[in-house]
Protein backbone atom coordinates (compact mmCIF):
# COMPACT_ATOMS: atom_id res chain seq x y z
CA UNK A 1 -5.73 -0.16 -11.18
CA UNK A 2 -5.82 3.32 -9.44
CA UNK A 3 -7.23 3.99 -5.87
CA UNK A 4 -8.66 7.38 -4.38
CA UNK A 5 -9.00 7.65 -0.91
CA UNK A 6 -11.34 10.35 0.54
CA UNK A 7 -13.03 11.14 4.00
CA UNK A 8 -9.93 12.47 6.13
CA UNK A 9 -10.46 15.61 8.24
CA UNK A 10 -10.19 17.30 11.54
CA UNK A 11 -12.09 15.59 14.15
CA UNK A 12 -12.05 15.71 18.19
CA UNK A 13 -10.89 12.81 20.68
CA UNK A 14 -13.74 10.55 21.10
CA UNK A 15 -15.17 11.08 17.44
CA UNK A 16 -15.66 9.28 14.42
CA UNK A 17 -14.66 9.03 10.64
CA UNK A 18 -15.38 7.22 7.69
CA UNK A 19 -12.45 6.85 5.19
CA UNK A 20 -13.63 5.72 1.47
CA UNK A 21 -11.07 4.31 -1.20
CA UNK A 22 -12.71 3.97 -4.24
CA UNK A 23 -10.83 1.64 -6.97
CA UNK A 24 -10.89 1.78 -10.73
CA UNK A 25 -9.28 -0.45 -13.05
CA UNK A 26 -10.10 -3.71 -11.85
CA UNK A 27 -12.77 -5.53 -9.43
CA UNK A 28 -11.83 -5.19 -5.81
CA UNK A 29 -13.48 -8.77 -5.18
CA UNK A 30 -10.06 -10.22 -6.86
CA UNK A 31 -7.99 -7.84 -4.10
CA UNK A 32 -7.07 -8.38 -0.51
CA UNK A 33 -7.51 -4.75 0.08
CA UNK A 34 -5.79 -2.76 3.14
CA UNK A 35 -5.70 0.60 4.92
CA UNK A 36 -1.90 1.90 6.35
CA UNK A 37 -1.00 4.80 8.06
CA UNK A 38 1.72 7.38 8.46
CA UNK A 39 2.12 9.58 11.10
CA UNK A 40 5.17 12.43 11.14
CA UNK A 41 8.06 11.04 11.26
CA UNK A 42 7.14 7.59 11.63
CA UNK A 43 7.31 4.50 9.23
CA UNK A 44 4.17 3.44 7.24
CA UNK A 45 2.24 1.01 9.54
CA UNK A 46 -0.57 -1.33 9.26
CA UNK A 47 -4.48 -0.90 10.18
CA UNK A 48 -6.57 -3.24 9.04
CA UNK A 49 -7.14 -5.59 5.70
CA UNK A 50 -10.43 -7.44 4.54
CA UNK A 51 -9.08 -10.43 2.23
CA UNK A 52 -11.12 -11.11 -1.04
CA UNK A 53 -12.42 -13.95 1.20
CA UNK A 54 -14.13 -11.11 3.63
CA UNK A 55 -11.58 -12.14 6.63
CA UNK A 56 -10.44 -9.06 8.13
CA UNK A 57 -7.37 -8.44 10.45
CA UNK A 58 -6.49 -4.97 12.54
CA UNK A 59 -3.56 -4.04 14.10
CA UNK A 60 -4.04 -4.07 18.07
CA UNK A 61 -4.06 -0.35 18.52
CA UNK A 62 -7.44 -0.02 16.19
CA UNK A 63 -8.82 -3.17 17.32
CA UNK A 64 -12.47 -2.77 18.48
CA UNK A 65 -12.66 0.84 17.38
CA UNK A 66 -12.03 0.40 13.49
CA UNK A 67 -13.93 -1.72 10.90
CA UNK A 68 -12.96 -2.38 7.61
CA UNK A 69 -15.38 -3.17 5.14
CA UNK A 70 -16.14 -3.52 1.15
CA UNK A 71 -18.52 -2.94 -1.27
CA UNK A 72 -17.99 -4.90 -4.38
CA UNK A 73 -20.65 -3.42 -6.38
CA UNK A 74 -19.60 0.30 -5.59
CA UNK A 75 -15.92 -1.22 -5.96
CA UNK A 76 -15.15 0.68 -2.65
CA UNK A 77 -13.28 -0.19 0.54
CA UNK A 78 -14.24 1.64 4.09
CA UNK A 79 -12.71 2.38 7.06
CA UNK A 80 -15.10 3.21 10.23
CA UNK A 81 -12.86 4.52 12.99
CA UNK A 82 -14.56 5.14 16.04
CA UNK A 83 -13.48 6.34 19.65
CA UNK A 84 -10.70 8.28 17.65
CA UNK A 85 -7.31 9.32 19.84
CA UNK A 86 -4.90 11.75 19.08
CA UNK A 87 -2.46 8.80 18.30
CA UNK A 88 -4.71 7.95 15.35
CA UNK A 89 -3.71 11.15 13.58
CA UNK A 90 -1.74 10.24 10.34
CA UNK A 91 -1.90 10.04 6.71
CA UNK A 92 -4.33 7.36 5.76
CA UNK A 93 -3.54 5.03 2.63
CA UNK A 94 -5.43 2.33 1.22
CA UNK A 95 -3.59 -0.43 -0.98
CA UNK A 96 -4.68 -3.26 -2.87
CA UNK A 97 -2.76 -6.72 -3.63
CA UNK A 98 -2.83 -10.10 -3.34
CA UNK A 99 -0.80 -11.10 -0.38
CA UNK A 100 -0.38 -14.52 1.25
CA UNK A 101 -1.95 -14.86 4.14
CA UNK A 102 1.13 -14.52 6.64
CA UNK A 103 2.19 -11.03 4.91
CA UNK A 104 -1.16 -9.41 4.72
CA UNK A 105 0.32 -6.47 7.20
CA UNK A 106 3.33 -6.05 5.22
CA UNK A 107 3.56 -2.61 3.14
CA UNK A 108 6.04 -4.42 0.85
CA UNK A 109 3.08 -6.85 -0.10
CA UNK A 110 0.86 -4.34 -1.99
CA UNK A 111 1.62 -2.95 -5.04
CA UNK A 112 -1.16 -0.73 -5.41
CA UNK A 113 -1.68 2.50 -3.59
CA UNK A 114 -3.73 5.57 -3.17
CA UNK A 115 -2.94 9.09 -1.95
CA UNK A 116 -2.98 9.80 1.53
CA UNK A 117 -5.94 11.18 3.29
CA UNK A 118 -5.16 13.11 6.52
CA UNK A 119 -6.85 12.28 9.60
CA UNK A 120 -6.19 14.58 12.54
CA UNK A 121 -7.58 13.97 15.81
CA UNK A 122 -7.65 16.78 18.27
CA UNK A 123 -7.49 16.90 22.21
């Protein structure tokens, strides 16, 4: 399975972006899909996930501002990011896997990763 992330860019504080993750090689309907991010000098951290059941989960830092969604027909996962803050600046990565419910926020639970797409939020 291959994942291709896109949609990053430069945006001002308070602005919005939509990231996309196009998946090939396997239907995303069989996966939990997630977004993680990694800021310079920091560890990769969980952002959001959408399970094959449709259940979503978000990091507290993005809850109410970010929305993860999936289009099974397009085999694509999206991350809509609103009210962006400077601390949202990072490389954003999409991931696919079949983690158990208690492990959906763990980097190690996802064996399939896309390349990062850089989001820079300027003040």
